[in-house]
Amino acid sequence: MNALRAVKVAEERIRLQPLPATRYPEADECCVRVSSFSTVRAKQCAYSVPARLIGAMVQVRISEAEVAVRHEGVEVARYAVANSTPPPRRSSQRRWTGS
């Protein structure tokens, strides 16, 4: 059994390419405009920023652990990313059926 796998691994190694010299980014970045409510939207979530930035363009960097908002190179807000798993449903909660 292992001999068969060894042959397949050897065939696969021939086709492998070297890794890129630089790493892929570990965070997403985007530029967004601050709304009249003093918030920015990134990845379908809203984040509050200082009101003095209403109408300004800011850079949002979203990583697995945090969201950072920068304006003209200065960080103006930072938020920890909440756990992505939803809380368990309580038995008293009723599911909406749409009718």
Protein backbone atom coordinates (compact mmCIF):
# COMPACT_ATOMS: atom_id res chain seq x y z
CA MET A 1 0.00 0.00 0.00
CA ASN A 2 2.74 2.50 0.95
CA ALA A 3 4.73 1.61 -2.17
CA LEU A 4 1.79 2.75 -4.33
CA ARG A 5 1.58 6.03 -2.43
CA ALA A 6 5.33 6.56 -2.76
CA VAL A 7 5.04 6.29 -6.55
CA LYS A 8 2.19 8.80 -6.61
CA VAL A 9 4.07 11.22 -4.36
CA ALA A 10 7.13 10.97 -6.59
CA GLU A 11 4.99 11.76 -9.65
CA GLU A 12 3.45 14.73 -7.85
CA ARG A 13 6.82 16.14 -6.71
CA ILE A 14 7.87 16.50 -10.36
CA ARG A 15 4.93 18.85 -10.96
CA LEU A 16 5.32 20.96 -7.80
CA GLN A 17 6.39 24.58 -8.27
CA PRO A 18 8.45 26.60 -5.79
CA LEU A 19 6.60 28.91 -3.40
CA PRO A 20 6.44 32.61 -4.35
CA ALA A 21 9.26 34.79 -3.03
CA THR A 22 6.78 37.03 -1.21
CA ARG A 23 3.89 35.98 1.00
CA TYR A 24 0.31 36.62 0.12
CA PRO A 25 -1.28 39.39 2.20
CA GLU A 26 -2.75 38.14 5.44
CA ALA A 27 -5.34 40.91 5.50
CA ASP A 28 -7.73 42.59 3.07
CA GLU A 29 -7.51 46.32 2.49
CA CYS A 30 -9.95 48.71 0.91
CA CYS A 31 -10.59 52.44 0.68
CA VAL A 32 -14.04 53.63 1.69
CA ARG A 33 -15.77 56.94 2.34
CA VAL A 34 -16.96 57.81 5.85
CA SER A 35 -20.75 58.13 5.86
CA SER A 36 -22.79 60.99 7.29
CA PHE A 37 -23.41 58.70 10.29
CA SER A 38 -19.66 58.66 11.02
CA THR A 39 -19.33 55.00 10.00
CA VAL A 40 -17.53 53.00 7.35
CA ARG A 41 -18.71 49.72 5.82
CA ALA A 42 -16.25 46.95 5.07
CA LYS A 43 -17.07 43.30 4.37
CA GLN A 44 -20.77 43.99 5.06
CA CYS A 45 -20.09 45.33 8.59
CA ALA A 46 -20.26 48.90 9.88
CA TYR A 47 -17.52 50.44 12.02
CA SER A 48 -17.64 53.77 13.83
CA VAL A 49 -14.96 56.38 13.20
CA PRO A 50 -14.46 59.94 14.52
CA ALA A 51 -17.15 62.36 13.31
CA ARG A 52 -14.52 64.81 12.02
CA LEU A 53 -13.89 62.33 9.18
CA ILE A 54 -17.41 62.47 7.70
CA GLY A 55 -17.02 62.55 3.92
CA ALA A 56 -13.32 61.64 3.99
CA MET A 57 -11.76 58.60 2.35
CA VAL A 58 -10.14 56.15 4.78
CA GLN A 59 -8.23 52.91 4.40
CA VAL A 60 -9.65 49.85 6.15
CA ARG A 61 -7.47 46.83 6.85
CA ILE A 62 -9.31 43.66 7.88
CA SER A 63 -7.37 40.72 9.27
CA GLU A 64 -8.49 37.58 11.02
CA ALA A 65 -8.08 39.22 14.44
CA GLU A 66 -8.85 42.92 13.95
CA VAL A 67 -10.10 45.79 11.81
CA ALA A 68 -7.97 48.93 11.60
CA VAL A 69 -9.05 52.23 10.03
CA ARG A 70 -6.45 54.77 8.88
CA HIS A 71 -6.82 58.30 7.57
CA GLU A 72 -3.85 59.94 5.86
CA GLY A 73 -1.55 57.31 7.36
CA VAL A 74 -2.78 57.79 10.94
CA GLU A 75 -4.80 55.07 12.66
CA VAL A 76 -8.13 56.51 13.79
CA ALA A 77 -9.95 53.34 14.93
CA ARG A 78 -9.19 49.70 15.75
CA TYR A 79 -11.64 46.92 16.55
CA ALA A 80 -11.19 43.29 17.55
CA VAL A 81 -13.00 40.87 15.27
CA ALA A 82 -15.67 38.99 17.18
CA ASN A 83 -15.86 35.20 17.14
CA SER A 84 -17.49 34.24 13.84
CA THR A 85 -19.53 31.37 15.25
CA PRO A 86 -23.09 32.38 16.14
CA PRO A 87 -24.35 31.78 19.67
CA PRO A 88 -26.53 28.70 20.19
CA ARG A 89 -30.24 29.19 19.67
CA ARG A 90 -32.39 29.23 22.77
CA SER A 91 -35.36 26.89 22.71
CA SER A 92 -37.61 29.87 23.46
CA GLN A 93 -36.60 31.57 20.19
CA ARG A 94 -38.97 30.97 17.32
CA ARG A 95 -37.74 30.61 13.76
CA TRP A 96 -39.24 33.07 11.28
CA THR A 97 -40.87 31.23 8.37
CA GLY A 98 -41.56 34.25 6.17
CA SER A 99 -45.34 33.87 6.13
